[in-house]
Amino acid sequence: GELTSAVADLGSVQIIKKMNISATEIYDGPSSSVILQNVSTDDAKNDIPAGLNYEMRFGLTSDLSSATWYKFAQDMNLAIDSSNRGSGEADFDVSNIVSSYQTFRYYQIRIKLHK
């Protein structure tokens, strides 16, 4: 499953380099645990460590319905590469970063869960 936040308003346009989410584990009974998905490090271009990730879309207006969802890694910069991939993607190319921070007022976060 997944959890998607409401659109959040920062009150004014901000330059954001890094965002963190605080949920790491949810327990539903003694034999069932659900955790945030881990970043895959299967691709040779990916130099980021395995860890928790989340998806985020953002913009200057509150209507984010057509905004791109980017995958970012917890405790990593909100970087996007030349192929329009976020820093939490398995094939994110650290040698071709076009932006290491983002400028926005509104954002929405989605986390995917798995057992």
Protein backbone atom coordinates (compact mmCIF):
# COMPACT_ATOMS: atom_id res chain seq x y z
CA GLY A 1 0.00 0.00 0.00
CA GLU A 2 0.90 3.63 0.18
CA LEU A 3 0.24 6.74 2.23
CA THR A 4 -0.18 10.13 0.53
CA SER A 5 -0.18 13.39 2.45
CA ALA A 6 -2.40 16.36 1.79
CA VAL A 7 -0.78 19.22 -0.12
CA ALA A 8 1.27 21.23 2.38
CA ASP A 9 1.79 25.00 2.13
CA LEU A 10 5.10 26.45 3.32
CA GLY A 11 3.53 29.94 3.38
CA SER A 12 5.97 31.37 0.84
CA VAL A 13 8.39 30.12 -1.79
CA GLN A 14 11.35 28.41 -0.12
CA ILE A 15 14.64 26.96 -1.32
CA ILE A 16 14.73 23.42 0.06
CA LYS A 17 17.85 21.27 -0.05
CA LYS A 18 16.76 18.30 2.09
CA MET A 19 13.59 16.96 3.71
CA ASN A 20 13.20 14.10 6.14
CA ILE A 21 10.21 12.08 7.20
CA SER A 22 10.10 10.52 10.63
CA ALA A 23 8.11 7.26 10.21
CA THR A 24 10.25 4.16 9.94
CA GLU A 25 8.17 1.20 11.12
CA ILE A 26 4.54 0.40 11.72
CA TYR A 27 3.64 -2.79 13.59
CA ASP A 28 0.31 -4.53 13.06
CA GLY A 29 0.49 -7.51 15.37
CA PRO A 30 3.44 -9.56 16.61
CA SER A 31 4.25 -11.30 13.31
CA SER A 32 3.48 -8.51 10.83
CA SER A 33 5.65 -5.45 10.33
CA VAL A 34 5.42 -2.90 7.54
CA ILE A 35 8.37 -0.68 6.70
CA LEU A 36 9.11 2.04 4.20
CA GLN A 37 10.70 0.72 1.03
CA ASN A 38 14.48 0.73 0.89
CA VAL A 39 16.45 2.41 -1.87
CA SER A 40 17.84 -0.11 -4.32
CA THR A 41 21.54 0.12 -5.10
CA ASP A 42 21.59 -2.39 -7.97
CA ASP A 43 22.59 0.14 -10.63
CA ALA A 44 26.31 0.88 -11.01
CA LYS A 45 25.65 4.62 -11.41
CA ASN A 46 23.93 4.87 -8.04
CA ASP A 47 26.38 6.07 -5.42
CA ILE A 48 23.85 6.69 -2.66
CA PRO A 49 23.63 4.27 0.27
CA ALA A 50 20.67 1.97 0.71
CA GLY A 51 18.11 3.54 3.01
CA LEU A 52 14.55 4.76 3.37
CA ASN A 53 12.97 6.69 0.53
CA TYR A 54 9.81 8.63 -0.23
CA GLU A 55 8.20 10.28 -3.22
CA MET A 56 7.45 13.97 -3.41
CA ARG A 57 5.94 16.38 -5.89
CA PHE A 58 6.07 20.13 -5.54
CA GLY A 59 5.29 23.44 -7.19
CA LEU A 60 4.55 27.13 -6.88
CA THR A 61 0.75 26.66 -6.91
CA SER A 62 -1.44 24.43 -4.75
CA ASP A 63 -2.69 22.34 -7.69
CA LEU A 64 -0.05 19.62 -7.92
CA SER A 65 -2.20 17.16 -9.91
CA SER A 66 0.03 17.41 -12.99
CA ALA A 67 3.35 17.70 -11.10
CA THR A 68 5.90 14.91 -11.41
CA TRP A 69 6.43 12.54 -8.48
CA TYR A 70 10.17 12.30 -7.70
CA LYS A 71 11.70 9.62 -5.48
CA PHE A 72 14.14 10.96 -2.88
CA ALA A 73 16.22 9.19 -0.25
CA GLN A 74 15.96 10.03 3.44
CA ASP A 75 18.83 12.29 4.60
CA MET A 76 19.90 13.04 1.01
CA ASN A 77 19.62 16.25 -1.02
CA LEU A 78 16.57 16.79 -3.22
CA ALA A 79 18.74 16.32 -6.31
CA ILE A 80 17.43 15.68 -9.82
CA ASP A 81 19.62 14.33 -12.61
CA SER A 82 19.64 15.14 -16.33
CA SER A 83 17.19 12.28 -17.01
CA ASN A 84 14.67 13.86 -14.58
CA ARG A 85 15.20 11.22 -11.86
CA GLY A 86 15.22 12.02 -8.15
CA SER A 87 18.14 11.10 -5.89
CA GLY A 88 16.23 8.12 -4.45
CA GLU A 89 15.92 6.33 -7.80
CA ALA A 90 18.04 3.20 -8.28
CA ASP A 91 19.40 4.56 -11.58
CA PHE A 92 19.99 8.14 -10.36
CA ASP A 93 23.14 9.43 -12.05
CA VAL A 94 25.28 11.40 -9.58
CA SER A 95 27.60 12.50 -12.39
CA ASN A 96 24.75 14.38 -14.16
CA ILE A 97 22.94 16.35 -11.43
CA VAL A 98 21.09 19.37 -12.84
CA SER A 99 19.71 20.59 -9.50
CA SER A 100 20.80 19.77 -5.95
CA TYR A 101 17.97 21.75 -4.31
CA GLN A 102 14.39 22.68 -5.20
CA THR A 103 12.38 25.89 -4.99
CA PHE A 104 8.69 25.54 -4.14
CA ARG A 105 5.85 26.67 -1.87
CA TYR A 106 3.57 23.63 -2.03
CA TYR A 107 4.49 19.96 -1.74
CA GLN A 108 2.97 16.54 -1.25
CA ILE A 109 4.68 13.38 0.05
CA ARG A 110 3.86 9.76 -0.73
CA ILE A 111 5.42 6.75 0.96
CA LYS A 112 5.05 3.20 -0.28
CA LEU A 113 4.80 0.41 2.27
CA HIS A 114 5.66 -3.23 1.99
CA LYS A 115 5.74 -6.30 4.22
